[in-house]
PDB file of N, CA and C in Angstrom:
ATOM      1  N   MET A   1      20.489  10.421  -1.781  1.00  0.00           N
ATOM      2  CA  MET A   1      20.235   9.394  -0.772  1.00  0.00           C
ATOM      3  C   MET A   1      18.814   8.847  -0.957  1.00  0.00           C
ATOM      4  N   MET A   2      18.649   7.565  -0.862  1.00  0.00           N
ATOM      5  CA  MET A   2      17.352   6.946  -0.988  1.00  0.00           C
ATOM      6  C   MET A   2      16.695   6.806   0.376  1.00  0.00           C
ATOM      7  N   ASN A   3      15.409   7.046   0.455  1.00  0.00           N
ATOM      8  CA  ASN A   3      14.649   6.868   1.643  1.00  0.00           C
ATOM      9  C   ASN A   3      13.591   5.792   1.444  1.00  0.00           C
ATOM     10  N   ASN A   4      13.144   5.186   2.506  1.00  0.00           N
ATOM     11  CA  ASN A   4      12.065   4.217   2.414  1.00  0.00           C
ATOM     12  C   ASN A   4      10.741   4.923   2.645  1.00  0.00           C
ATOM     13  N   TYR A   5       9.727   4.504   1.869  1.00  0.00           N
ATOM     14  CA  TYR A   5       8.374   5.037   1.984  1.00  0.00           C
ATOM     15  C   TYR A   5       7.396   3.925   2.170  1.00  0.00           C
ATOM     16  N   LEU A   6       6.510   4.088   3.130  1.00  0.00           N
ATOM     17  CA  LEU A   6       5.445   3.137   3.366  1.00  0.00           C
ATOM     18  C   LEU A   6       4.259   3.516   2.491  1.00  0.00           C
ATOM     19  N   PHE A   7       3.766   2.560   1.693  1.00  0.00           N
ATOM     20  CA  PHE A   7       2.584   2.744   0.897  1.00  0.00           C
ATOM     21  C   PHE A   7       1.487   1.985   1.615  1.00  0.00           C
ATOM     22  N   VAL A   8       0.425   2.680   1.998  1.00  0.00           N
ATOM     23  CA  VAL A   8      -0.708   2.061   2.647  1.00  0.00           C
ATOM     24  C   VAL A   8      -1.885   2.144   1.665  1.00  0.00           C
ATOM     25  N   TYR A   9      -2.422   1.025   1.312  1.00  0.00           N
ATOM     26  CA  TYR A   9      -3.504   0.943   0.317  1.00  0.00           C
ATOM     27  C   TYR A   9      -4.851   0.960   1.038  1.00  0.00           C
ATOM     28  N   HIS A  10      -5.761   1.756   0.508  1.00  0.00           N
ATOM     29  CA  HIS A  10      -7.103   1.891   1.048  1.00  0.00           C
ATOM     30  C   HIS A  10      -8.111   1.597  -0.079  1.00  0.00           C
ATOM     31  N   GLY A  11      -9.141   0.865   0.273  1.00  0.00           N
ATOM     32  CA  GLY A  11     -10.231   0.655  -0.680  1.00  0.00           C
ATOM     33  C   GLY A  11      -9.891  -0.219  -1.854  1.00  0.00           C
ATOM     34  N   GLY A  12     -10.605   0.017  -2.918  1.00  0.00           N
ATOM     35  CA  GLY A  12     -10.423  -0.811  -4.116  1.00  0.00           C
ATOM     36  C   GLY A  12     -11.484  -1.911  -4.128  1.00  0.00           C
ATOM     37  N   LYS A  13     -12.033  -2.146  -5.297  1.00  0.00           N
ATOM     38  CA  LYS A  13     -13.112  -3.161  -5.380  1.00  0.00           C
ATOM     39  C   LYS A  13     -12.488  -4.549  -5.590  1.00  0.00           C
ATOM     40  N   GLU A  14     -13.171  -5.516  -5.041  1.00  0.00           N
ATOM     41  CA  GLU A  14     -12.766  -6.921  -5.220  1.00  0.00           C
ATOM     42  C   GLU A  14     -13.018  -7.412  -6.637  1.00  0.00           C
ATOM     43  N   PRO A  15     -12.139  -8.187  -7.202  1.00  0.00           N
ATOM     44  CA  PRO A  15     -12.391  -8.756  -8.538  1.00  0.00           C
ATOM     45  C   PRO A  15     -13.683  -9.580  -8.499  1.00  0.00           C
ATOM     46  N   GLU A  16     -14.480  -9.513  -9.535  1.00  0.00           N
ATOM     47  CA  GLU A  16     -15.788 -10.187  -9.552  1.00  0.00           C
ATOM     48  C   GLU A  16     -15.772 -11.523 -10.296  1.00  0.00           C
ATOM     49  N   SER A  17     -14.667 -11.829 -10.961  1.00  0.00           N
ATOM     50  CA  SER A  17     -14.575 -13.080 -11.715  1.00  0.00           C
ATOM     51  C   SER A  17     -13.156 -13.564 -11.653  1.00  0.00           C
ATOM     52  N   GLU A  18     -12.972 -14.825 -12.041  1.00  0.00           N
ATOM     53  CA  GLU A  18     -11.608 -15.401 -12.090  1.00  0.00           C
ATOM     54  C   GLU A  18     -10.766 -14.644 -13.089  1.00  0.00           C
ATOM     55  N   GLU A  19     -11.323 -14.249 -14.207  1.00  0.00           N
ATOM     56  CA  GLU A  19     -10.569 -13.520 -15.207  1.00  0.00           C
ATOM     57  C   GLU A  19     -10.134 -12.162 -14.679  1.00  0.00           C
ATOM     58  N   GLU A  20     -11.039 -11.493 -13.981  1.00  0.00           N
ATOM     59  CA  GLU A  20     -10.707 -10.188 -13.389  1.00  0.00           C
ATOM     60  C   GLU A  20      -9.620 -10.333 -12.311  1.00  0.00           C
ATOM     61  N   PHE A  21      -9.750 -11.430 -11.525  1.00  0.00           N
ATOM     62  CA  PHE A  21      -8.759 -11.693 -10.488  1.00  0.00           C
ATOM     63  C   PHE A  21      -7.377 -11.880 -11.104  1.00  0.00           C
ATOM     64  N   GLN A  22      -7.284 -12.697 -12.177  1.00  0.00           N
ATOM     65  CA  GLN A  22      -6.006 -12.940 -12.830  1.00  0.00           C
ATOM     66  C   GLN A  22      -5.458 -11.687 -13.452  1.00  0.00           C
ATOM     67  N   SER A  23      -6.317 -10.863 -14.028  1.00  0.00           N
ATOM     68  CA  SER A  23      -5.910  -9.578 -14.610  1.00  0.00           C
ATOM     69  C   SER A  23      -5.357  -8.637 -13.504  1.00  0.00           C
ATOM     70  N   THR A  24      -6.003  -8.634 -12.355  1.00  0.00           N
ATOM     71  CA  THR A  24      -5.542  -7.817 -11.245  1.00  0.00           C
ATOM     72  C   THR A  24      -4.202  -8.264 -10.743  1.00  0.00           C
ATOM     73  N   ILE A  25      -3.993  -9.564 -10.579  1.00  0.00           N
ATOM     74  CA  ILE A  25      -2.709 -10.134 -10.131  1.00  0.00           C
ATOM     75  C   ILE A  25      -1.611  -9.730 -11.126  1.00  0.00           C
ATOM     76  N   LYS A  26      -1.889  -9.878 -12.415  1.00  0.00           N
ATOM     77  CA  LYS A  26      -0.917  -9.535 -13.462  1.00  0.00           C
ATOM     78  C   LYS A  26      -0.562  -8.062 -13.411  1.00  0.00           C
ATOM     79  N   ALA A  27      -1.546  -7.170 -13.187  1.00  0.00           N
ATOM     80  CA  ALA A  27      -1.261  -5.744 -13.093  1.00  0.00           C
ATOM     81  C   ALA A  27      -0.349  -5.436 -11.886  1.00  0.00           C
ATOM     82  N   TRP A  28      -0.602  -6.081 -10.761  1.00  0.00           N
ATOM     83  CA  TRP A  28       0.241  -5.861  -9.590  1.00  0.00           C
ATOM     84  C   TRP A  28       1.674  -6.383  -9.851  1.00  0.00           C
ATOM     85  N   GLN A  29       1.803  -7.539 -10.459  1.00  0.00           N
ATOM     86  CA  GLN A  29       3.118  -8.102 -10.775  1.00  0.00           C
ATOM     87  C   GLN A  29       3.894  -7.177 -11.705  1.00  0.00           C
ATOM     88  N   GLN A  30       3.230  -6.661 -12.725  1.00  0.00           N
ATOM     89  CA  GLN A  30       3.903  -5.759 -13.644  1.00  0.00           C
ATOM     90  C   GLN A  30       4.323  -4.470 -12.969  1.00  0.00           C
ATOM     91  N   TRP A  31       3.496  -3.976 -12.075  1.00  0.00           N
ATOM     92  CA  TRP A  31       3.851  -2.757 -11.337  1.00  0.00           C
ATOM     93  C   TRP A  31       5.101  -2.986 -10.498  1.00  0.00           C
ATOM     94  N   TYR A  32       5.129  -4.120  -9.747  1.00  0.00           N
ATOM     95  CA  TYR A  32       6.307  -4.430  -8.931  1.00  0.00           C
ATOM     96  C   TYR A  32       7.519  -4.589  -9.805  1.00  0.00           C
ATOM     97  N   GLU A  33       7.413  -5.342 -10.895  1.00  0.00           N
ATOM     98  CA  GLU A  33       8.569  -5.565 -11.801  1.00  0.00           C
ATOM     99  C   GLU A  33       9.058  -4.256 -12.362  1.00  0.00           C
ATOM    100  N   GLY A  34       8.172  -3.337 -12.684  1.00  0.00           N
ATOM    101  CA  GLY A  34       8.571  -2.043 -13.231  1.00  0.00           C
ATOM    102  C   GLY A  34       9.321  -1.148 -12.246  1.00  0.00           C
ATOM    103  N   MET A  35       9.204  -1.442 -10.987  1.00  0.00           N
ATOM    104  CA  MET A  35       9.905  -0.650  -9.971  1.00  0.00           C
ATOM    105  C   MET A  35      11.288  -1.171  -9.656  1.00  0.00           C
ATOM    106  N   GLY A  36      11.581  -2.414 -10.090  1.00  0.00           N
ATOM    107  CA  GLY A  36      12.925  -2.973  -9.883  1.00  0.00           C
ATOM    108  C   GLY A  36      13.349  -2.951  -8.438  1.00  0.00           C
ATOM    109  N   ASN A  37      14.573  -2.365  -8.209  1.00  0.00           N
ATOM    110  CA  ASN A  37      15.153  -2.382  -6.865  1.00  0.00           C
ATOM    111  C   ASN A  37      14.529  -1.342  -5.917  1.00  0.00           C
ATOM    112  N   ALA A  38      13.529  -0.635  -6.359  1.00  0.00           N
ATOM    113  CA  ALA A  38      12.804   0.291  -5.447  1.00  0.00           C
ATOM    114  C   ALA A  38      11.925  -0.483  -4.454  1.00  0.00           C
ATOM    115  N   VAL A  39      11.681  -1.770  -4.772  1.00  0.00           N
ATOM    116  CA  VAL A  39      10.860  -2.598  -3.883  1.00  0.00           C
ATOM    117  C   VAL A  39      11.695  -3.058  -2.711  1.00  0.00           C
ATOM    118  N   VAL A  40      11.355  -2.591  -1.485  1.00  0.00           N
ATOM    119  CA  VAL A  40      12.033  -3.008  -0.277  1.00  0.00           C
ATOM    120  C   VAL A  40      11.285  -4.185   0.302  1.00  0.00           C
ATOM    121  N   ASP A  41       9.967  -4.030   0.427  1.00  0.00           N
ATOM    122  CA  ASP A  41       9.065  -5.092   0.933  1.00  0.00           C
ATOM    123  C   ASP A  41       7.774  -4.941   0.131  1.00  0.00           C
ATOM    124  N   GLY A  42       7.525  -5.895  -0.731  1.00  0.00           N
ATOM    125  CA  GLY A  42       6.328  -5.847  -1.580  1.00  0.00           C
ATOM    126  C   GLY A  42       5.035  -5.805  -0.790  1.00  0.00           C
ATOM    127  N   GLY A  43       5.079  -6.166   0.487  1.00  0.00           N
ATOM    128  CA  GLY A  43       3.912  -6.122   1.325  1.00  0.00           C
ATOM    129  C   GLY A  43       2.915  -7.178   0.990  1.00  0.00           C
ATOM    130  N   ASN A  44       1.676  -6.953   1.411  1.00  0.00           N
ATOM    131  CA  ASN A  44       0.611  -7.927   1.227  1.00  0.00           C
ATOM    132  C   ASN A  44      -0.746  -7.238   1.398  1.00  0.00           C
ATOM    133  N   PRO A  45      -1.782  -7.875   0.901  1.00  0.00           N
ATOM    134  CA  PRO A  45      -3.118  -7.393   1.246  1.00  0.00           C
ATOM    135  C   PRO A  45      -3.348  -7.752   2.713  1.00  0.00           C
ATOM    136  N   VAL A  46      -4.287  -7.106   3.369  1.00  0.00           N
ATOM    137  CA  VAL A  46      -4.583  -7.417   4.768  1.00  0.00           C
ATOM    138  C   VAL A  46      -6.060  -7.765   4.914  1.00  0.00           C
ATOM    139  N   GLY A  47      -6.360  -8.424   5.985  1.00  0.00           N
ATOM    140  CA  GLY A  47      -7.711  -8.875   6.307  1.00  0.00           C
ATOM    141  C   GLY A  47      -8.520  -7.791   7.003  1.00  0.00           C
ATOM    142  N   PRO A  48      -9.630  -8.199   7.610  1.00  0.00           N
ATOM    143  CA  PRO A  48     -10.469  -7.246   8.340  1.00  0.00           C
ATOM    144  C   PRO A  48      -9.675  -6.454   9.366  1.00  0.00           C
ATOM    145  N   ASN A  49     -10.038  -5.171   9.481  1.00  0.00           N
ATOM    146  CA  ASN A  49      -9.356  -4.263  10.370  1.00  0.00           C
ATOM    147  C   ASN A  49     -10.087  -4.118  11.690  1.00  0.00           C
ATOM    148  N   ILE A  50      -9.328  -3.902  12.762  1.00  0.00           N
ATOM    149  CA  ILE A  50      -9.902  -3.477  14.033  1.00  0.00           C
ATOM    150  C   ILE A  50      -9.264  -2.141  14.361  1.00  0.00           C
ATOM    151  N   THR A  51      -9.926  -1.349  15.199  1.00  0.00           N
ATOM    152  CA  THR A  51      -9.359  -0.082  15.633  1.00  0.00           C
ATOM    153  C   THR A  51      -9.259  -0.109  17.148  1.00  0.00           C
ATOM    154  N   VAL A  52      -8.088   0.180  17.677  1.00  0.00           N
ATOM    155  CA  VAL A  52      -7.852   0.262  19.118  1.00  0.00           C
ATOM    156  C   VAL A  52      -7.864   1.735  19.506  1.00  0.00           C
ATOM    157  N   HIS A  53      -8.770   2.091  20.375  1.00  0.00           N
ATOM    158  CA  HIS A  53      -8.953   3.497  20.806  1.00  0.00           C
ATOM    159  C   HIS A  53      -8.307   3.702  22.178  1.00  0.00           C
ATOM    160  N   ALA A  54      -8.124   4.949  22.545  1.00  0.00           N
ATOM    161  CA  ALA A  54      -7.639   5.298  23.851  1.00  0.00           C
ATOM    162  C   ALA A  54      -8.515   4.622  24.900  1.00  0.00           C
ATOM    163  N   GLY A  55      -7.900   4.188  25.969  1.00  0.00           N
ATOM    164  CA  GLY A  55      -8.628   3.513  27.029  1.00  0.00           C
ATOM    165  C   GLY A  55      -8.822   2.036  26.755  1.00  0.00           C
ATOM    166  N   GLY A  56      -8.350   1.544  25.620  1.00  0.00           N
ATOM    167  CA  GLY A  56      -8.419   0.137  25.326  1.00  0.00           C
ATOM    168  C   GLY A  56      -9.675  -0.325  24.579  1.00  0.00           C
ATOM    169  N   LYS A  57     -10.536   0.596  24.251  1.00  0.00           N
ATOM    170  CA  LYS A  57     -11.750   0.220  23.502  1.00  0.00           C
ATOM    171  C   LYS A  57     -11.357  -0.255  22.111  1.00  0.00           C
ATOM    172  N   VAL A  58     -11.943  -1.345  21.670  1.00  0.00           N
ATOM    173  CA  VAL A  58     -11.657  -1.947  20.344  1.00  0.00           C
ATOM    174  C   VAL A  58     -12.940  -2.010  19.565  1.00  0.00           C
ATOM    175  N   THR A  59     -12.889  -1.526  18.331  1.00  0.00           N
ATOM    176  CA  THR A  59     -14.029  -1.643  17.427  1.00  0.00           C
ATOM    177  C   THR A  59     -13.590  -2.427  16.192  1.00  0.00           C
ATOM    178  N   ASN A  60     -14.523  -3.134  15.610  1.00  0.00           N
ATOM    179  CA  ASN A  60     -14.243  -3.980  14.441  1.00  0.00           C
ATOM    180  C   ASN A  60     -14.602  -3.271  13.140  1.00  0.00           C
ATOM    181  N   ASP A  61     -14.101  -2.042  12.987  1.00  0.00           N
ATOM    182  CA  ASP A  61     -14.487  -1.252  11.813  1.00  0.00           C
ATOM    183  C   ASP A  61     -13.338  -0.742  11.004  1.00  0.00           C
ATOM    184  N   GLY A  62     -12.126  -0.774  11.530  1.00  0.00           N
ATOM    185  CA  GLY A  62     -10.975  -0.277  10.771  1.00  0.00           C
ATOM    186  C   GLY A  62     -10.983   1.234  10.553  1.00  0.00           C
ATOM    187  N   GLY A  63     -11.833   1.938  11.274  1.00  0.00           N
ATOM    188  CA  GLY A  63     -11.857   3.390  11.141  1.00  0.00           C
ATOM    189  C   GLY A  63     -12.605   3.837   9.888  1.00  0.00           C
ATOM    190  N   SER A  64     -12.442   5.097   9.541  1.00  0.00           N
ATOM    191  CA  SER A  64     -13.196   5.653   8.421  1.00  0.00           C
ATOM    192  C   SER A  64     -12.653   5.267   7.065  1.00  0.00           C
ATOM    193  N   ASN A  65     -11.420   4.791   7.017  1.00  0.00           N
ATOM    194  CA  ASN A  65     -10.810   4.437   5.725  1.00  0.00           C
ATOM    195  C   ASN A  65      -9.910   3.197   5.941  1.00  0.00           C
ATOM    196  N   PRO A  66     -10.521   2.026   6.078  1.00  0.00           N
ATOM    197  CA  PRO A  66      -9.744   0.826   6.426  1.00  0.00           C
ATOM    198  C   PRO A  66      -8.621   0.534   5.452  1.00  0.00           C
ATOM    199  N   VAL A  67      -7.542  -0.012   6.010  1.00  0.00           N
ATOM    200  CA  VAL A  67      -6.370  -0.417   5.243  1.00  0.00           C
ATOM    201  C   VAL A  67      -6.701  -1.708   4.504  1.00  0.00           C
ATOM    202  N   THR A  68      -6.286  -1.828   3.231  1.00  0.00           N
ATOM    203  CA  THR A  68      -6.466  -3.067   2.488  1.00  0.00           C
ATOM    204  C   THR A  68      -5.151  -3.736   2.131  1.00  0.00           C
ATOM    205  N   GLY A  69      -4.016  -3.035   2.365  1.00  0.00           N
ATOM    206  CA  GLY A  69      -2.695  -3.608   2.127  1.00  0.00           C
ATOM    207  C   GLY A  69      -1.579  -2.607   2.332  1.00  0.00           C
ATOM    208  N   TYR A  70      -0.350  -3.018   2.117  1.00  0.00           N
ATOM    209  CA  TYR A  70       0.779  -2.165   2.344  1.00  0.00           C
ATOM    210  C   TYR A  70       1.987  -2.618   1.496  1.00  0.00           C
ATOM    211  N   GLY A  71       2.998  -1.780   1.412  1.00  0.00           N
ATOM    212  CA  GLY A  71       4.290  -2.117   0.825  1.00  0.00           C
ATOM    213  C   GLY A  71       5.308  -1.082   1.255  1.00  0.00           C
ATOM    214  N   VAL A  72       6.571  -1.372   1.103  1.00  0.00           N
ATOM    215  CA  VAL A  72       7.628  -0.414   1.425  1.00  0.00           C
ATOM    216  C   VAL A  72       8.544  -0.287   0.194  1.00  0.00           C
ATOM    217  N   PHE A  73       8.779   0.969  -0.223  1.00  0.00           N
ATOM    218  CA  PHE A  73       9.537   1.197  -1.440  1.00  0.00           C
ATOM    219  C   PHE A  73      10.581   2.301  -1.247  1.00  0.00           C
ATOM    220  N   LYS A  74      11.664   2.227  -1.988  1.00  0.00           N
ATOM    221  CA  LYS A  74      12.722   3.230  -1.961  1.00  0.00           C
ATOM    222  C   LYS A  74      12.453   4.320  -2.987  1.00  0.00           C
ATOM    223  N   ALA A  75      12.745   5.557  -2.572  1.00  0.00           N
ATOM    224  CA  ALA A  75      12.639   6.675  -3.537  1.00  0.00           C
ATOM    225  C   ALA A  75      13.559   7.797  -3.025  1.00  0.00           C
ATOM    226  N   SER A  76      13.950   8.669  -3.918  1.00  0.00           N
ATOM    227  CA  SER A  76      14.872   9.735  -3.547  1.00  0.00           C
ATOM    228  C   SER A  76      14.207  10.840  -2.699  1.00  0.00           C
ATOM    229  N   ASP A  77      12.898  11.014  -2.851  1.00  0.00           N
ATOM    230  CA  ASP A  77      12.184  12.032  -2.080  1.00  0.00           C
ATOM    231  C   ASP A  77      10.660  11.773  -2.176  1.00  0.00           C
ATOM    232  N   ALA A  78       9.897  12.602  -1.468  1.00  0.00           N
ATOM    233  CA  ALA A  78       8.443  12.403  -1.438  1.00  0.00           C
ATOM    234  C   ALA A  78       7.842  12.453  -2.820  1.00  0.00           C
ATOM    235  N   GLU A  79       8.312  13.371  -3.682  1.00  0.00           N
ATOM    236  CA  GLU A  79       7.743  13.485  -5.013  1.00  0.00           C
ATOM    237  C   GLU A  79       8.003  12.224  -5.817  1.00  0.00           C
ATOM    238  N   ALA A  80       9.172  11.663  -5.700  1.00  0.00           N
ATOM    239  CA  ALA A  80       9.500  10.415  -6.417  1.00  0.00           C
ATOM    240  C   ALA A  80       8.657   9.243  -5.901  1.00  0.00           C
ATOM    241  N   SER A  81       8.406   9.236  -4.587  1.00  0.00           N
ATOM    242  CA  SER A  81       7.560   8.164  -4.046  1.00  0.00           C
ATOM    243  C   SER A  81       6.129   8.325  -4.539  1.00  0.00           C
ATOM    244  N   ALA A  82       5.651   9.550  -4.638  1.00  0.00           N
ATOM    245  CA  ALA A  82       4.302   9.791  -5.127  1.00  0.00           C
ATOM    246  C   ALA A  82       4.210   9.360  -6.612  1.00  0.00           C
ATOM    247  N   GLU A  83       5.256   9.555  -7.351  1.00  0.00           N
ATOM    248  CA  GLU A  83       5.263   9.132  -8.760  1.00  0.00           C
ATOM    249  C   GLU A  83       5.158   7.599  -8.849  1.00  0.00           C
ATOM    250  N   LEU A  84       5.897   6.876  -7.989  1.00  0.00           N
ATOM    251  CA  LEU A  84       5.761   5.415  -7.949  1.00  0.00           C
ATOM    252  C   LEU A  84       4.331   5.014  -7.595  1.00  0.00           C
ATOM    253  N   ALA A  85       3.793   5.650  -6.585  1.00  0.00           N
ATOM    254  CA  ALA A  85       2.438   5.337  -6.112  1.00  0.00           C
ATOM    255  C   ALA A  85       1.381   5.651  -7.180  1.00  0.00           C
ATOM    256  N   SER A  86       1.639   6.630  -8.022  1.00  0.00           N
ATOM    257  CA  SER A  86       0.643   7.043  -9.021  1.00  0.00           C
ATOM    258  C   SER A  86       0.363   5.957 -10.052  1.00  0.00           C
ATOM    259  N   LYS A  87       1.186   4.965 -10.115  1.00  0.00           N
ATOM    260  CA  LYS A  87       1.002   3.875 -11.072  1.00  0.00           C
ATOM    261  C   LYS A  87       0.449   2.608 -10.427  1.00  0.00           C
ATOM    262  N   CYS A  88       0.123   2.695  -9.130  1.00  0.00           N
ATOM    263  CA  CYS A  88      -0.384   1.546  -8.383  1.00  0.00           C
ATOM    264  C   CYS A  88      -1.725   1.034  -8.948  1.00  0.00           C
ATOM    265  N   PRO A  89      -1.838  -0.274  -9.157  1.00  0.00           N
ATOM    266  CA  PRO A  89      -3.087  -0.816  -9.689  1.00  0.00           C
ATOM    267  C   PRO A  89      -4.317  -0.575  -8.824  1.00  0.00           C
ATOM    268  N   ILE A  90      -4.135  -0.343  -7.541  1.00  0.00           N
ATOM    269  CA  ILE A  90      -5.328  -0.118  -6.677  1.00  0.00           C
ATOM    270  C   ILE A  90      -6.089   1.123  -7.128  1.00  0.00           C
ATOM    271  N   LEU A  91      -5.391   2.073  -7.729  1.00  0.00           N
ATOM    272  CA  LEU A  91      -6.026   3.312  -8.198  1.00  0.00           C
ATOM    273  C   LEU A  91      -7.075   3.011  -9.301  1.00  0.00           C
ATOM    274  N   ASP A  92      -6.742   2.010 -10.132  1.00  0.00           N
ATOM    275  CA  ASP A  92      -7.680   1.617 -11.205  1.00  0.00           C
ATOM    276  C   ASP A  92      -8.917   0.893 -10.622  1.00  0.00           C
ATOM    277  N   ALA A  93      -8.793   0.432  -9.369  1.00  0.00           N
ATOM    278  CA  ALA A  93      -9.923  -0.309  -8.735  1.00  0.00           C
ATOM    279  C   ALA A  93     -10.695   0.627  -7.776  1.00  0.00           C
ATOM    280  N   GLY A  94     -10.433   1.931  -7.868  1.00  0.00           N
ATOM    281  CA  GLY A  94     -11.159   2.897  -7.049  1.00  0.00           C
ATOM    282  C   GLY A  94     -10.581   3.117  -5.678  1.00  0.00           C
ATOM    283  N   GLY A  95      -9.381   2.583  -5.437  1.00  0.00           N
ATOM    284  CA  GLY A  95      -8.732   2.765  -4.150  1.00  0.00           C
ATOM    285  C   GLY A  95      -7.795   3.934  -4.154  1.00  0.00           C
ATOM    286  N   SER A  96      -7.034   4.051  -3.055  1.00  0.00           N
ATOM    287  CA  SER A  96      -6.050   5.136  -2.920  1.00  0.00           C
ATOM    288  C   SER A  96      -4.796   4.592  -2.255  1.00  0.00           C
ATOM    289  N   VAL A  97      -3.721   5.371  -2.370  1.00  0.00           N
ATOM    290  CA  VAL A  97      -2.423   5.014  -1.734  1.00  0.00           C
ATOM    291  C   VAL A  97      -2.016   6.178  -0.840  1.00  0.00           C
ATOM    292  N   GLU A  98      -1.827   5.871   0.418  1.00  0.00           N
ATOM    293  CA  GLU A  98      -1.279   6.844   1.376  1.00  0.00           C
ATOM    294  C   GLU A  98       0.223   6.570   1.430  1.00  0.00           C
ATOM    295  N   VAL A  99       1.030   7.614   1.302  1.00  0.00           N
ATOM    296  CA  VAL A  99       2.487   7.466   1.288  1.00  0.00           C
ATOM    297  C   VAL A  99       3.097   8.247   2.444  1.00  0.00           C
ATOM    298  N   ALA A 100       4.011   7.609   3.186  1.00  0.00           N
ATOM    299  CA  ALA A 100       4.682   8.257   4.310  1.00  0.00           C
ATOM    300  C   ALA A 100       6.119   7.780   4.389  1.00  0.00           C
ATOM    301  N   GLN A 101       7.046   8.721   4.610  1.00  0.00           N
ATOM    302  CA  GLN A 101       8.447   8.319   4.744  1.00  0.00           C
ATOM    303  C   GLN A 101       8.636   7.524   6.041  1.00  0.00           C
ATOM    304  N   VAL A 102       9.459   6.499   5.961  1.00  0.00           N
ATOM    305  CA  VAL A 102       9.759   5.656   7.118  1.00  0.00           C
ATOM    306  C   VAL A 102      11.097   6.159   7.652  1.00  0.00           C
ATOM    307  N   PHE A 103      11.139   6.462   8.949  1.00  0.00           N
ATOM    308  CA  PHE A 103      12.385   6.910   9.588  1.00  0.00           C
ATOM    309  C   PHE A 103      13.031   5.776  10.316  1.00  0.00           C
ATOM    310  N   ASP A 104      14.315   5.590  10.146  1.00  0.00           N
ATOM    311  CA  ASP A 104      15.071   4.531  10.783  1.00  0.00           C
ATOM    312  C   ASP A 104      15.486   4.999  12.164  1.00  0.00           C
ATOM    313  N   MET A 105      14.774   4.529  13.186  1.00  0.00           N
ATOM    314  CA  MET A 105      15.058   4.970  14.556  1.00  0.00           C
ATOM    315  C   MET A 105      16.346   4.401  15.114  1.00  0.00           C
ATOM    316  N   SER A 106      16.902   3.364  14.459  1.00  0.00           N
ATOM    317  CA  SER A 106      18.161   2.836  14.942  1.00  0.00           C
ATOM    318  C   SER A 106      19.297   3.791  14.631  1.00  0.00           C
ATOM    319  N   GLN A 107      19.076   4.750  13.712  1.00  0.00           N
ATOM    320  CA  GLN A 107      20.053   5.737  13.357  1.00  0.00           C
ATOM    321  C   GLN A 107      19.914   7.038  14.171  1.00  0.00           C
ATOM    322  N   ALA A 108      18.921   7.092  15.064  1.00  0.00           N
ATOM    323  CA  ALA A 108      18.661   8.312  15.830  1.00  0.00           C
ATOM    324  C   ALA A 108      19.661   8.475  16.952  1.00  0.00           C
TER     325      ALA A 108
END
């Protein structure tokens, strides 16, 4: 049985030139293409983060490790999802990928 896994991207350096930007885009496209039907939602990069705290306090810091993007992918288990994430281009840019199984609450 296949499960969905949320990939949350953290960090990674911004491309410093148009050539580097194009190379980064190509790397992400190749990564997605290589995963085929494992891609449920390719996701997107995200903008500046805010953090909502208990009591309604809001800070404009995104916490200690702000999110830079996300995606949702199918895998047979946590190990297989980690294998998919291990090839993510954000790792080459100094970032990281947090992986968590998504539970379908409509089936509960």
